[in-house]
C-alpha cells in the first residue's frame, strides 16, 4: 500500500508538467476581410490558434504560449495590413 501511495504522490508532482499560458488577443477591424487576412497569417505561423469571436468589426483569438512581445514582433512583420496597438492585447487593423 505504501508503494501505491508513493506512486500516486510522484505522479502528482509538477516537475514533469509543462506549463502553458493562453493569451487572448483582440483585433478591431476596419473591414471584415482584414480579419480573414490576419487569421490566415496567424494560422500559418502558430499551431494552436482558437477563434473566440469573429464579426465584421472584431476578431478575438486565443493562442498558447505566444506572449505579447512575440506577437508584436510578428504583427509588425505583416505587410498586407497595418496593425496598431491600442492597449495591451488589443490592436486595430487597417489598410
PDB file of N, CA and C in Angstrom:
ATOM      1  N   UNK A   1       0.825  -1.204   0.000  1.00  0.00           N
ATOM      2  CA  UNK A   1       0.000   0.000   0.000  1.00  0.00           C
ATOM      3  C   UNK A   1       0.865   1.262   0.000  1.00  0.00           C
ATOM      4  N   UNK A   2       1.962   1.213   0.725  1.00  0.00           N
ATOM      5  CA  UNK A   2       2.858   2.366   0.796  1.00  0.00           C
ATOM      6  C   UNK A   2       3.429   2.695  -0.588  1.00  0.00           C
ATOM      7  N   UNK A   3       3.804   1.676  -1.355  1.00  0.00           N
ATOM      8  CA  UNK A   3       4.327   1.900  -2.706  1.00  0.00           C
ATOM      9  C   UNK A   3       3.259   2.529  -3.599  1.00  0.00           C
ATOM     10  N   UNK A   4       2.035   2.079  -3.436  1.00  0.00           N
ATOM     11  CA  UNK A   4       0.921   2.624  -4.216  1.00  0.00           C
ATOM     12  C   UNK A   4       0.731   4.114  -3.922  1.00  0.00           C
ATOM     13  N   UNK A   5       0.764   4.489  -2.657  1.00  0.00           N
ATOM     14  CA  UNK A   5       0.613   5.893  -2.267  1.00  0.00           C
ATOM     15  C   UNK A   5       1.786   6.714  -2.792  1.00  0.00           C
ATOM     16  N   UNK A   6       2.991   6.186  -2.708  1.00  0.00           N
ATOM     17  CA  UNK A   6       4.159   6.896  -3.233  1.00  0.00           C
ATOM     18  C   UNK A   6       4.074   7.074  -4.744  1.00  0.00           C
ATOM     19  N   UNK A   7       3.559   6.068  -5.440  1.00  0.00           N
ATOM     20  CA  UNK A   7       3.411   6.169  -6.897  1.00  0.00           C
ATOM     21  C   UNK A   7       2.410   7.264  -7.258  1.00  0.00           C
ATOM     22  N   UNK A   8       1.321   7.334  -6.516  1.00  0.00           N
ATOM     23  CA  UNK A   8       0.326   8.392  -6.757  1.00  0.00           C
ATOM     24  C   UNK A   8       0.924   9.757  -6.447  1.00  0.00           C
ATOM     25  N   UNK A   9       1.636   9.867  -5.349  1.00  0.00           N
ATOM     26  CA  UNK A   9       2.248  11.143  -4.965  1.00  0.00           C
ATOM     27  C   UNK A   9       3.258  11.597  -6.009  1.00  0.00           C
ATOM     28  N   UNK A  10       4.050  10.685  -6.522  1.00  0.00           N
ATOM     29  CA  UNK A  10       5.049  11.078  -7.521  1.00  0.00           C
ATOM     30  C   UNK A  10       4.387  11.461  -8.843  1.00  0.00           C
ATOM     31  N   UNK A  11       3.258  10.854  -9.166  1.00  0.00           N
ATOM     32  CA  UNK A  11       2.575  11.226 -10.411  1.00  0.00           C
ATOM     33  C   UNK A  11       1.903  12.592 -10.297  1.00  0.00           C
ATOM     34  N   UNK A  12       1.640  13.024  -9.078  1.00  0.00           N
ATOM     35  CA  UNK A  12       1.006  14.324  -8.876  1.00  0.00           C
ATOM     36  C   UNK A  12       2.004  15.474  -8.806  1.00  0.00           C
ATOM     37  N   UNK A  13       3.271  15.170  -8.735  1.00  0.00           N
ATOM     38  CA  UNK A  13       4.281  16.228  -8.676  1.00  0.00           C
ATOM     39  C   UNK A  13       4.280  17.001  -9.989  1.00  0.00           C
ATOM     40  N   UNK A  14       4.576  18.275  -9.892  1.00  0.00           N
ATOM     41  CA  UNK A  14       4.509  19.139 -11.062  1.00  0.00           C
ATOM     42  C   UNK A  14       5.851  19.277 -11.779  1.00  0.00           C
ATOM     43  N   UNK A  15       6.827  18.491 -11.396  1.00  0.00           N
ATOM     44  CA  UNK A  15       8.137  18.592 -12.030  1.00  0.00           C
ATOM     45  C   UNK A  15       8.069  18.246 -13.509  1.00  0.00           C
ATOM     46  N   UNK A  16       7.243  17.292 -13.857  1.00  0.00           N
ATOM     47  CA  UNK A  16       7.157  16.849 -15.246  1.00  0.00           C
ATOM     48  C   UNK A  16       6.088  17.600 -16.032  1.00  0.00           C
ATOM     49  N   UNK A  17       5.346  18.427 -15.377  1.00  0.00           N
ATOM     50  CA  UNK A  17       4.293  19.169 -16.066  1.00  0.00           C
ATOM     51  C   UNK A  17       4.910  20.289 -16.886  1.00  0.00           C
ATOM     52  N   UNK A  18       4.405  20.445 -18.079  1.00  0.00           N
ATOM     53  CA  UNK A  18       4.880  21.530 -18.931  1.00  0.00           C
ATOM     54  C   UNK A  18       3.827  22.627 -18.920  1.00  0.00           C
ATOM     55  N   UNK A  19       4.118  23.704 -18.220  1.00  0.00           N
ATOM     56  CA  UNK A  19       3.122  24.770 -18.115  1.00  0.00           C
ATOM     57  C   UNK A  19       2.958  25.497 -19.446  1.00  0.00           C
ATOM     58  N   UNK A  20       1.747  25.952 -19.687  1.00  0.00           N
ATOM     59  CA  UNK A  20       1.497  26.753 -20.875  1.00  0.00           C
ATOM     60  C   UNK A  20       0.526  27.852 -20.501  1.00  0.00           C
ATOM     61  N   UNK A  21       0.624  28.921 -21.224  1.00  0.00           N
ATOM     62  CA  UNK A  21      -0.258  30.060 -20.993  1.00  0.00           C
ATOM     63  C   UNK A  21      -1.054  30.300 -22.261  1.00  0.00           C
ATOM     64  N   UNK A  22      -2.293  30.685 -22.079  1.00  0.00           N
ATOM     65  CA  UNK A  22      -3.146  31.018 -23.213  1.00  0.00           C
ATOM     66  C   UNK A  22      -3.356  32.524 -23.192  1.00  0.00           C
ATOM     67  N   UNK A  23      -3.010  33.165 -24.288  1.00  0.00           N
ATOM     68  CA  UNK A  23      -3.145  34.613 -24.405  1.00  0.00           C
ATOM     69  C   UNK A  23      -4.312  34.928 -25.327  1.00  0.00           C
ATOM     70  N   UNK A  24      -5.114  35.901 -24.921  1.00  0.00           N
ATOM     71  CA  UNK A  24      -6.268  36.313 -25.720  1.00  0.00           C
ATOM     72  C   UNK A  24      -5.967  37.669 -26.351  1.00  0.00           C
ATOM     73  N   UNK A  25      -6.050  37.722 -27.670  1.00  0.00           N
ATOM     74  CA  UNK A  25      -5.785  38.945 -28.424  1.00  0.00           C
ATOM     75  C   UNK A  25      -7.066  39.406 -29.108  1.00  0.00           C
ATOM     76  N   UNK A  26      -7.317  40.715 -29.042  1.00  0.00           N
ATOM     77  CA  UNK A  26      -8.490  41.311 -29.673  1.00  0.00           C
ATOM     78  C   UNK A  26      -8.033  42.246 -30.780  1.00  0.00           C
ATOM     79  N   UNK A  27      -8.621  42.079 -31.947  1.00  0.00           N
ATOM     80  CA  UNK A  27      -8.306  42.916 -33.098  1.00  0.00           C
ATOM     81  C   UNK A  27      -9.574  43.633 -33.547  1.00  0.00           C
ATOM     82  N   UNK A  28      -9.519  44.964 -33.602  1.00  0.00           N
ATOM     83  CA  UNK A  28     -10.625  45.780 -34.095  1.00  0.00           C
ATOM     84  C   UNK A  28     -10.366  45.981 -35.581  1.00  0.00           C
ATOM     85  N   UNK A  29     -11.313  45.555 -36.399  1.00  0.00           N
ATOM     86  CA  UNK A  29     -11.114  45.516 -37.843  1.00  0.00           C
ATOM     87  C   UNK A  29     -11.795  46.687 -38.538  1.00  0.00           C
ATOM     88  N   UNK A  30     -11.071  47.339 -39.438  1.00  0.00           N
ATOM     89  CA  UNK A  30     -11.660  48.398 -40.249  1.00  0.00           C
ATOM     90  C   UNK A  30     -12.609  47.800 -41.291  1.00  0.00           C
ATOM     91  N   UNK A  31     -12.231  46.653 -41.847  1.00  0.00           N
ATOM     92  CA  UNK A  31     -13.068  45.933 -42.812  1.00  0.00           C
ATOM     93  C   UNK A  31     -13.054  44.456 -42.450  1.00  0.00           C
ATOM     94  N   UNK A  32     -14.120  43.747 -42.770  1.00  0.00           N
ATOM     95  CA  UNK A  32     -14.254  42.338 -42.398  1.00  0.00           C
ATOM     96  C   UNK A  32     -13.159  41.472 -43.017  1.00  0.00           C
ATOM     97  N   UNK A  33     -12.741  41.794 -44.234  1.00  0.00           N
ATOM     98  CA  UNK A  33     -11.734  40.982 -44.925  1.00  0.00           C
ATOM     99  C   UNK A  33     -10.400  40.985 -44.184  1.00  0.00           C
ATOM    100  N   UNK A  34     -10.115  42.051 -43.442  1.00  0.00           N
ATOM    101  CA  UNK A  34      -8.849  42.126 -42.707  1.00  0.00           C
ATOM    102  C   UNK A  34      -8.760  41.039 -41.637  1.00  0.00           C
ATOM    103  N   UNK A  35      -9.896  40.650 -41.082  1.00  0.00           N
ATOM    104  CA  UNK A  35      -9.909  39.570 -40.100  1.00  0.00           C
ATOM    105  C   UNK A  35      -9.499  38.248 -40.724  1.00  0.00           C
ATOM    106  N   UNK A  36      -9.983  37.989 -41.934  1.00  0.00           N
ATOM    107  CA  UNK A  36      -9.618  36.754 -42.631  1.00  0.00           C
ATOM    108  C   UNK A  36      -8.145  36.747 -43.011  1.00  0.00           C
ATOM    109  N   UNK A  37      -7.647  37.897 -43.469  1.00  0.00           N
ATOM    110  CA  UNK A  37      -6.231  38.004 -43.825  1.00  0.00           C
ATOM    111  C   UNK A  37      -5.367  37.743 -42.593  1.00  0.00           C
ATOM    112  N   UNK A  38      -5.703  38.398 -41.498  1.00  0.00           N
ATOM    113  CA  UNK A  38      -4.931  38.244 -40.265  1.00  0.00           C
ATOM    114  C   UNK A  38      -4.988  36.811 -39.750  1.00  0.00           C
ATOM    115  N   UNK A  39      -6.154  36.205 -39.815  1.00  0.00           N
ATOM    116  CA  UNK A  39      -6.312  34.825 -39.354  1.00  0.00           C
ATOM    117  C   UNK A  39      -5.462  33.869 -40.186  1.00  0.00           C
ATOM    118  N   UNK A  40      -5.369  34.108 -41.490  1.00  0.00           N
ATOM    119  CA  UNK A  40      -4.502  33.284 -42.341  1.00  0.00           C
ATOM    120  C   UNK A  40      -3.046  33.381 -41.893  1.00  0.00           C
ATOM    121  N   UNK A  41      -2.595  34.591 -41.614  1.00  0.00           N
ATOM    122  CA  UNK A  41      -1.219  34.787 -41.139  1.00  0.00           C
ATOM    123  C   UNK A  41      -0.991  34.079 -39.805  1.00  0.00           C
ATOM    124  N   UNK A  42      -1.941  34.228 -38.875  1.00  0.00           N
ATOM    125  CA  UNK A  42      -1.787  33.615 -37.553  1.00  0.00           C
ATOM    126  C   UNK A  42      -1.762  32.093 -37.641  1.00  0.00           C
ATOM    127  N   UNK A  43      -2.656  31.520 -38.456  1.00  0.00           N
ATOM    128  CA  UNK A  43      -2.696  30.063 -38.599  1.00  0.00           C
ATOM    129  C   UNK A  43      -1.439  29.520 -39.271  1.00  0.00           C
ATOM    130  N   UNK A  44      -0.849  30.301 -40.172  1.00  0.00           N
ATOM    131  CA  UNK A  44       0.381  29.863 -40.830  1.00  0.00           C
ATOM    132  C   UNK A  44       1.568  29.890 -39.866  1.00  0.00           C
ATOM    133  N   UNK A  45       1.556  30.814 -38.928  1.00  0.00           N
ATOM    134  CA  UNK A  45       2.689  30.988 -38.009  1.00  0.00           C
ATOM    135  C   UNK A  45       2.580  30.123 -36.749  1.00  0.00           C
ATOM    136  N   UNK A  46       1.387  30.038 -36.179  1.00  0.00           N
ATOM    137  CA  UNK A  46       1.206  29.382 -34.883  1.00  0.00           C
ATOM    138  C   UNK A  46       0.316  28.155 -35.005  1.00  0.00           C
ATOM    139  N   UNK A  47       0.599  27.160 -34.150  1.00  0.00           N
ATOM    140  CA  UNK A  47      -0.125  25.895 -34.208  1.00  0.00           C
ATOM    141  C   UNK A  47      -1.539  25.977 -33.651  1.00  0.00           C
ATOM    142  N   UNK A  48      -1.662  26.488 -32.465  1.00  0.00           N
ATOM    143  CA  UNK A  48      -2.952  26.428 -31.776  1.00  0.00           C
ATOM    144  C   UNK A  48      -3.588  27.809 -31.695  1.00  0.00           C
ATOM    145  N   UNK A  49      -4.255  28.194 -32.771  1.00  0.00           N
ATOM    146  CA  UNK A  49      -4.986  29.460 -32.810  1.00  0.00           C
ATOM    147  C   UNK A  49      -6.465  29.109 -32.702  1.00  0.00           C
ATOM    148  N   UNK A  50      -7.107  29.625 -31.666  1.00  0.00           N
ATOM    149  CA  UNK A  50      -8.532  29.347 -31.474  1.00  0.00           C
ATOM    150  C   UNK A  50      -9.297  30.653 -31.608  1.00  0.00           C
ATOM    151  N   UNK A  51     -10.279  30.648 -32.509  1.00  0.00           N
ATOM    152  CA  UNK A  51     -11.105  31.836 -32.708  1.00  0.00           C
ATOM    153  C   UNK A  51     -12.190  31.845 -31.639  1.00  0.00           C
ATOM    154  N   UNK A  52     -12.186  32.881 -30.815  1.00  0.00           N
ATOM    155  CA  UNK A  52     -13.190  33.036 -29.765  1.00  0.00           C
ATOM    156  C   UNK A  52     -14.409  33.742 -30.341  1.00  0.00           C
ATOM    157  N   UNK A  53     -14.158  34.795 -31.116  1.00  0.00           N
ATOM    158  CA  UNK A  53     -15.251  35.573 -31.714  1.00  0.00           C
ATOM    159  C   UNK A  53     -14.754  36.186 -33.014  1.00  0.00           C
ATOM    160  N   UNK A  54     -15.607  36.138 -34.042  1.00  0.00           N
ATOM    161  CA  UNK A  54     -15.260  36.769 -35.316  1.00  0.00           C
ATOM    162  C   UNK A  54     -16.512  37.434 -35.866  1.00  0.00           C
ATOM    163  N   UNK A  55     -16.456  38.763 -35.957  1.00  0.00           N
ATOM    164  CA  UNK A  55     -17.539  39.530 -36.558  1.00  0.00           C
ATOM    165  C   UNK A  55     -16.931  40.405 -37.646  1.00  0.00           C
ATOM    166  N   UNK A  56     -17.753  41.242 -38.257  1.00  0.00           N
ATOM    167  CA  UNK A  56     -17.253  42.140 -39.300  1.00  0.00           C
ATOM    168  C   UNK A  56     -16.281  43.171 -38.753  1.00  0.00           C
ATOM    169  N   UNK A  57     -16.402  43.505 -37.473  1.00  0.00           N
ATOM    170  CA  UNK A  57     -15.579  44.575 -36.906  1.00  0.00           C
ATOM    171  C   UNK A  57     -14.613  44.114 -35.821  1.00  0.00           C
ATOM    172  N   UNK A  58     -14.669  42.827 -35.452  1.00  0.00           N
ATOM    173  CA  UNK A  58     -13.826  42.366 -34.344  1.00  0.00           C
ATOM    174  C   UNK A  58     -13.414  40.916 -34.548  1.00  0.00           C
ATOM    175  N   UNK A  59     -12.168  40.636 -34.175  1.00  0.00           N
ATOM    176  CA  UNK A  59     -11.644  39.275 -34.178  1.00  0.00           C
ATOM    177  C   UNK A  59     -10.955  39.051 -32.839  1.00  0.00           C
ATOM    178  N   UNK A  60     -11.380  38.016 -32.123  1.00  0.00           N
ATOM    179  CA  UNK A  60     -10.757  37.656 -30.848  1.00  0.00           C
ATOM    180  C   UNK A  60     -10.220  36.238 -30.991  1.00  0.00           C
ATOM    181  N   UNK A  61      -8.917  36.083 -30.718  1.00  0.00           N
ATOM    182  CA  UNK A  61      -8.285  34.769 -30.816  1.00  0.00           C
ATOM    183  C   UNK A  61      -7.543  34.456 -29.527  1.00  0.00           C
ATOM    184  N   UNK A  62      -7.413  33.170 -29.257  1.00  0.00           N
ATOM    185  CA  UNK A  62      -6.593  32.693 -28.149  1.00  0.00           C
ATOM    186  C   UNK A  62      -5.465  31.866 -28.734  1.00  0.00           C
ATOM    187  N   UNK A  63      -4.242  32.135 -28.268  1.00  0.00           N
ATOM    188  CA  UNK A  63      -3.068  31.433 -28.768  1.00  0.00           C
ATOM    189  C   UNK A  63      -2.235  30.994 -27.570  1.00  0.00           C
ATOM    190  N   UNK A  64      -1.795  29.737 -27.590  1.00  0.00           N
ATOM    191  CA  UNK A  64      -0.992  29.206 -26.487  1.00  0.00           C
ATOM    192  C   UNK A  64       0.465  29.626 -26.626  1.00  0.00           C
ATOM    193  N   UNK A  65       1.048  30.028 -25.510  1.00  0.00           N
ATOM    194  CA  UNK A  65       2.483  30.288 -25.381  1.00  0.00           C
ATOM    195  C   UNK A  65       3.040  31.326 -26.348  1.00  0.00           C
ATOM    196  N   UNK A  66       2.257  32.339 -26.671  1.00  0.00           N
ATOM    197  CA  UNK A  66       2.746  33.444 -27.505  1.00  0.00           C
ATOM    198  C   UNK A  66       2.529  34.734 -26.723  1.00  0.00           C
ATOM    199  N   UNK A  67       3.537  35.164 -25.955  1.00  0.00           N
ATOM    200  CA  UNK A  67       3.383  36.395 -25.174  1.00  0.00           C
ATOM    201  C   UNK A  67       3.272  37.620 -26.073  1.00  0.00           C
ATOM    202  N   UNK A  68       2.829  38.706 -25.485  1.00  0.00           N
ATOM    203  CA  UNK A  68       2.552  39.926 -26.235  1.00  0.00           C
ATOM    204  C   UNK A  68       3.785  40.433 -26.981  1.00  0.00           C
ATOM    205  N   UNK A  69       4.956  40.337 -26.392  1.00  0.00           N
ATOM    206  CA  UNK A  69       6.166  40.836 -27.064  1.00  0.00           C
ATOM    207  C   UNK A  69       6.449  40.058 -28.350  1.00  0.00           C
ATOM    208  N   UNK A  70       6.280  38.739 -28.309  1.00  0.00           N
ATOM    209  CA  UNK A  70       6.478  37.931 -29.515  1.00  0.00           C
ATOM    210  C   UNK A  70       5.408  38.226 -30.559  1.00  0.00           C
ATOM    211  N   UNK A  71       4.180  38.408 -30.094  1.00  0.00           N
ATOM    212  CA  UNK A  71       3.090  38.699 -31.025  1.00  0.00           C
ATOM    213  C   UNK A  71       3.324  40.035 -31.719  1.00  0.00           C
ATOM    214  N   UNK A  72       3.794  41.030 -30.988  1.00  0.00           N
ATOM    215  CA  UNK A  72       4.020  42.345 -31.588  1.00  0.00           C
ATOM    216  C   UNK A  72       5.121  42.302 -32.636  1.00  0.00           C
ATOM    217  N   UNK A  73       6.162  41.508 -32.408  1.00  0.00           N
ATOM    218  CA  UNK A  73       7.207  41.338 -33.421  1.00  0.00           C
ATOM    219  C   UNK A  73       6.620  40.719 -34.681  1.00  0.00           C
ATOM    220  N   UNK A  74       5.791  39.700 -34.500  1.00  0.00           N
ATOM    221  CA  UNK A  74       5.178  39.039 -35.650  1.00  0.00           C
ATOM    222  C   UNK A  74       4.238  39.984 -36.394  1.00  0.00           C
ATOM    223  N   UNK A  75       3.402  40.709 -35.652  1.00  0.00           N
ATOM    224  CA  UNK A  75       2.438  41.607 -36.287  1.00  0.00           C
ATOM    225  C   UNK A  75       3.125  42.727 -37.054  1.00  0.00           C
ATOM    226  N   UNK A  76       4.260  43.190 -36.570  1.00  0.00           N
ATOM    227  CA  UNK A  76       4.969  44.269 -37.269  1.00  0.00           C
ATOM    228  C   UNK A  76       5.559  43.792 -38.593  1.00  0.00           C
ATOM    229  N   UNK A  77       5.741  42.492 -38.751  1.00  0.00           N
ATOM    230  CA  UNK A  77       6.293  41.946 -39.992  1.00  0.00           C
ATOM    231  C   UNK A  77       5.230  41.738 -41.070  1.00  0.00           C
ATOM    232  N   UNK A  78       3.967  41.814 -40.708  1.00  0.00           N
ATOM    233  CA  UNK A  78       2.890  41.625 -41.686  1.00  0.00           C
ATOM    234  C   UNK A  78       2.755  42.895 -42.512  1.00  0.00           C
ATOM    235  N   UNK A  79       2.833  42.752 -43.826  1.00  0.00           N
ATOM    236  CA  UNK A  79       2.750  43.935 -44.681  1.00  0.00           C
ATOM    237  C   UNK A  79       1.432  44.040 -45.445  1.00  0.00           C
ATOM    238  N   UNK A  80       0.569  43.044 -45.346  1.00  0.00           N
ATOM    239  CA  UNK A  80      -0.707  43.082 -46.063  1.00  0.00           C
ATOM    240  C   UNK A  80      -1.696  44.049 -45.408  1.00  0.00           C
ATOM    241  N   UNK A  81      -1.582  44.219 -44.102  1.00  0.00           N
ATOM    242  CA  UNK A  81      -2.443  45.143 -43.352  1.00  0.00           C
ATOM    243  C   UNK A  81      -1.585  45.894 -42.339  1.00  0.00           C
ATOM    244  N   UNK A  82      -2.105  47.033 -41.869  1.00  0.00           N
ATOM    245  CA  UNK A  82      -1.422  47.788 -40.812  1.00  0.00           C
ATOM    246  C   UNK A  82      -2.061  47.425 -39.481  1.00  0.00           C
ATOM    247  N   UNK A  83      -1.235  47.138 -38.507  1.00  0.00           N
ATOM    248  CA  UNK A  83      -1.740  46.754 -37.192  1.00  0.00           C
ATOM    249  C   UNK A  83      -1.147  47.702 -36.164  1.00  0.00           C
ATOM    250  N   UNK A  84      -2.034  48.406 -35.479  1.00  0.00           N
ATOM    251  CA  UNK A  84      -1.623  49.403 -34.491  1.00  0.00           C
ATOM    252  C   UNK A  84      -2.093  48.947 -33.109  1.00  0.00           C
ATOM    253  N   UNK A  85      -1.203  49.048 -32.134  1.00  0.00           N
ATOM    254  CA  UNK A  85      -1.547  48.656 -30.766  1.00  0.00           C
ATOM    255  C   UNK A  85      -2.416  49.730 -30.128  1.00  0.00           C
ATOM    256  N   UNK A  86      -3.570  49.322 -29.611  1.00  0.00           N
ATOM    257  CA  UNK A  86      -4.469  50.228 -28.896  1.00  0.00           C
ATOM    258  C   UNK A  86      -4.132  50.201 -27.411  1.00  0.00           C
ATOM    259  N   UNK A  87      -4.037  49.002 -26.868  1.00  0.00           N
ATOM    260  CA  UNK A  87      -3.659  48.779 -25.471  1.00  0.00           C
ATOM    261  C   UNK A  87      -3.124  47.352 -25.388  1.00  0.00           C
ATOM    262  N   UNK A  88      -2.786  46.905 -24.202  1.00  0.00           N
ATOM    263  CA  UNK A  88      -2.275  45.547 -24.062  1.00  0.00           C
ATOM    264  C   UNK A  88      -3.282  44.539 -24.596  1.00  0.00           C
ATOM    265  N   UNK A  89      -2.830  43.710 -25.515  1.00  0.00           N
ATOM    266  CA  UNK A  89      -3.613  42.637 -26.125  1.00  0.00           C
ATOM    267  C   UNK A  89      -4.746  43.138 -27.019  1.00  0.00           C
ATOM    268  N   UNK A  90      -4.780  44.418 -27.342  1.00  0.00           N
ATOM    269  CA  UNK A  90      -5.804  44.987 -28.219  1.00  0.00           C
ATOM    270  C   UNK A  90      -5.135  45.742 -29.356  1.00  0.00           C
ATOM    271  N   UNK A  91      -5.585  45.454 -30.575  1.00  0.00           N
ATOM    272  CA  UNK A  91      -4.956  46.033 -31.753  1.00  0.00           C
ATOM    273  C   UNK A  91      -6.017  46.492 -32.746  1.00  0.00           C
ATOM    274  N   UNK A  92      -5.659  47.502 -33.539  1.00  0.00           N
ATOM    275  CA  UNK A  92      -6.525  47.992 -34.606  1.00  0.00           C
ATOM    276  C   UNK A  92      -5.906  47.571 -35.929  1.00  0.00           C
ATOM    277  N   UNK A  93      -6.735  47.034 -36.826  1.00  0.00           N
ATOM    278  CA  UNK A  93      -6.256  46.541 -38.117  1.00  0.00           C
ATOM    279  C   UNK A  93      -6.854  47.403 -39.218  1.00  0.00           C
ATOM    280  N   UNK A  94      -5.975  48.057 -39.995  1.00  0.00           N
ATOM    281  CA  UNK A  94      -6.397  48.907 -41.111  1.00  0.00           C
ATOM    282  C   UNK A  94      -5.549  48.567 -42.330  1.00  0.00           C
ATOM    283  N   UNK A  95      -5.791  49.268 -43.421  1.00  0.00           N
ATOM    284  CA  UNK A  95      -5.002  49.050 -44.643  1.00  0.00           C
ATOM    285  C   UNK A  95      -3.850  50.004 -44.711  1.00  0.00           C
TER     286      UNK A  95
END
